[in-house]
Protein backbone atom coordinates (compact mmCIF):
# COMPACT_ATOMS: atom_id res chain seq x y z
CA UNK A 1 -52.71 2.17 -24.10
CA UNK A 2 -52.02 4.76 -26.76
CA UNK A 3 -54.09 7.84 -27.48
CA UNK A 4 -54.90 8.90 -31.03
CA UNK A 5 -54.89 12.68 -31.22
CA UNK A 6 -57.02 12.52 -34.36
CA UNK A 7 -59.75 10.83 -32.35
CA UNK A 8 -59.39 13.10 -29.33
CA UNK A 9 -59.04 16.48 -31.03
CA UNK A 10 -60.70 15.82 -34.37
CA UNK A 11 -60.34 18.42 -37.07
CA UNK A 12 -59.80 21.23 -34.56
CA UNK A 13 -56.09 20.49 -34.25
CA UNK A 14 -55.70 21.47 -37.90
CA UNK A 15 -58.09 24.42 -37.92
CA UNK A 16 -55.92 26.35 -35.49
CA UNK A 17 -53.00 26.62 -37.90
CA UNK A 18 -55.20 27.37 -40.89
CA UNK A 19 -57.13 30.07 -39.01
CA UNK A 20 -53.83 31.58 -37.86
CA UNK A 21 -52.59 31.75 -41.46
CA UNK A 22 -55.90 33.31 -42.56
CA UNK A 23 -55.60 35.95 -39.82
CA UNK A 24 -52.15 36.86 -41.17
CA UNK A 25 -53.52 37.22 -44.72
CA UNK A 26 -56.47 39.35 -43.60
CA UNK A 27 -54.22 41.53 -41.43
CA UNK A 28 -51.96 42.01 -44.44
CA UNK A 29 -54.95 43.16 -46.47
CA UNK A 30 -55.90 45.68 -43.79
CA UNK A 31 -52.31 46.93 -43.54
CA UNK A 32 -52.26 47.56 -47.30
CA UNK A 33 -55.68 49.21 -47.54
CA UNK A 34 -54.11 52.43 -48.85
CA UNK A 35 -51.39 50.88 -51.01
CA UNK A 36 -52.02 51.66 -54.69
CA UNK A 37 -52.36 48.54 -56.83
CA UNK A 38 -52.61 46.13 -53.89
CA UNK A 39 -54.96 43.22 -54.52
CA UNK A 40 -56.85 41.81 -51.54
CA UNK A 41 -56.35 38.09 -50.98
CA UNK A 42 -57.99 35.49 -48.81
CA UNK A 43 -57.28 31.93 -47.83
CA UNK A 44 -59.47 29.18 -49.24
CA UNK A 45 -60.21 27.69 -45.83
CA UNK A 46 -61.60 24.32 -46.94
CA UNK A 47 -58.70 23.70 -49.35
CA UNK A 48 -56.11 24.76 -46.77
CA UNK A 49 -57.72 22.58 -44.11
CA UNK A 50 -57.78 19.54 -46.36
CA UNK A 51 -54.11 20.16 -47.21
CA UNK A 52 -53.19 20.52 -43.53
CA UNK A 53 -55.05 17.42 -42.42
CA UNK A 54 -53.86 15.43 -45.45
CA UNK A 55 -50.20 16.29 -44.86
CA UNK A 56 -50.54 15.32 -41.22
CA UNK A 57 -52.06 11.97 -42.15
CA UNK A 58 -49.26 11.32 -44.66
CA UNK A 59 -46.58 12.25 -42.09
CA UNK A 60 -47.95 9.60 -39.71
CA UNK A 61 -47.30 6.83 -42.25
CA UNK A 62 -43.64 5.69 -42.18
CA UNK A 63 -41.82 5.89 -45.50
CA UNK A 64 -44.94 7.02 -47.34
CA UNK A 65 -43.01 8.04 -50.43
CA UNK A 66 -41.66 4.54 -50.74
CA UNK A 67 -45.15 3.03 -50.30
CA UNK A 68 -46.79 5.23 -52.92
CA UNK A 69 -46.51 3.81 -56.41
CA UNK A 70 -47.74 5.53 -59.56
CA UNK A 71 -49.39 2.85 -61.66
CA UNK A 72 -50.84 5.25 -64.21
CA UNK A 73 -49.52 8.45 -65.77
CA UNK A 74 -52.71 10.24 -64.68
CA UNK A 75 -52.05 9.59 -60.97
CA UNK A 76 -50.87 12.45 -58.80
CA UNK A 77 -47.27 12.52 -57.75
CA UNK A 78 -46.65 12.51 -53.97
CA UNK A 79 -44.14 15.34 -54.39
CA UNK A 80 -47.07 17.54 -55.49
CA UNK A 81 -48.18 17.65 -51.86
CA UNK A 82 -45.79 20.41 -50.94
CA UNK A 83 -46.05 22.74 -47.97
CA UNK A 84 -46.76 25.74 -50.20
CA UNK A 85 -49.50 27.86 -48.55
CA UNK A 86 -49.65 30.04 -51.67
CA UNK A 87 -51.75 27.33 -53.35
CA UNK A 88 -54.69 28.18 -51.12
CA UNK A 89 -54.46 31.97 -51.45
CA UNK A 90 -56.97 33.50 -53.81
CA UNK A 91 -57.54 37.06 -54.92
CA UNK A 92 -60.78 38.53 -53.65
CA UNK A 93 -63.32 40.04 -56.04
CA UNK A 94 -64.29 43.47 -54.71
CA UNK A 95 -67.95 44.33 -54.15
CA UNK A 96 -67.45 47.96 -55.20
CA UNK A 97 -65.96 49.40 -58.34
CA UNK A 98 -62.28 50.35 -58.50
CA UNK A 99 -61.52 53.72 -56.89
CA UNK A 100 -58.88 54.48 -59.49
CA UNK A 101 -55.72 53.39 -57.70
CA UNK A 102 -56.12 49.66 -58.41
CA UNK A 103 -56.46 48.70 -54.74
CA UNK A 104 -59.17 46.07 -54.12
CA UNK A 105 -59.11 46.11 -50.29
CA UNK A 106 -62.49 46.91 -48.80
CA UNK A 107 -61.79 47.75 -45.18
CA UNK A 108 -65.23 46.87 -43.82
CA UNK A 109 -65.21 43.47 -45.54
CA UNK A 110 -61.70 42.73 -44.26
CA UNK A 111 -62.63 43.71 -40.70
CA UNK A 112 -65.76 41.57 -40.82
CA UNK A 113 -63.80 38.56 -42.15
CA UNK A 114 -61.07 39.09 -39.57
CA UNK A 115 -63.60 39.19 -36.73
CA UNK A 116 -65.39 36.07 -38.02
CA UNK A 117 -62.09 34.23 -38.32
CA UNK A 118 -61.15 35.36 -34.82
CA UNK A 119 -64.41 34.02 -33.35
CA UNK A 120 -63.98 30.68 -35.11
CA UNK A 121 -60.36 30.49 -33.89
CA UNK A 122 -61.56 31.12 -30.34
CA UNK A 123 -64.26 28.44 -30.69
CA UNK A 124 -61.67 25.86 -31.78
CA UNK A 125 -59.37 26.92 -28.97
CA UNK A 126 -62.18 26.52 -26.42
CA UNK A 127 -63.01 23.07 -27.79
CA UNK A 128 -59.39 21.94 -27.66
CA UNK A 129 -59.00 23.33 -24.16
CA UNK A 130 -62.02 21.36 -22.94
CA UNK A 131 -60.66 18.17 -24.52
CA UNK A 132 -57.27 18.66 -22.89
CA UNK A 133 -58.95 19.28 -19.53
CA UNK A 134 -60.92 16.04 -19.91
CA UNK A 135 -57.75 14.11 -20.80
CA UNK A 136 -55.92 15.50 -17.80
CA UNK A 137 -58.84 14.60 -15.56
CA UNK A 138 -58.91 11.06 -16.92
CA UNK A 139 -55.17 10.67 -16.40
CA UNK A 140 -55.38 11.93 -12.82
CA UNK A 141 -58.26 9.57 -11.97
CA UNK A 142 -56.29 6.55 -13.24
CA UNK A 143 -53.27 7.20 -11.03
């Protein structure tokens, strides 16, 4: 009997990597809060998550590039599904006017976003941990 991790873990297995990447971007913003000309960026979470889960689904299909056939010039090319995380990074519009040095990092906003991301990361981690505990319990009861 095989176990499908998509069914067991759901979307949470993908959120961990995306939340980790977002934490790196937000930490980079905070580290450059005093750098003149630095533009604050953020990760488009929903786009990054759909990319992460879509790539994982494609990797589970053997020889997917050979199975995919473009029947119309308007169809997307499979090679367009690269691993480029820069596609999901967006520049953030500041709430306050420019202070004169061109830096758009607002420290309070970055800290708030970092804390929110951290809490959501922890929630996904707790969910995954409970699922793994249940799987281990089920495996022990069957032996």
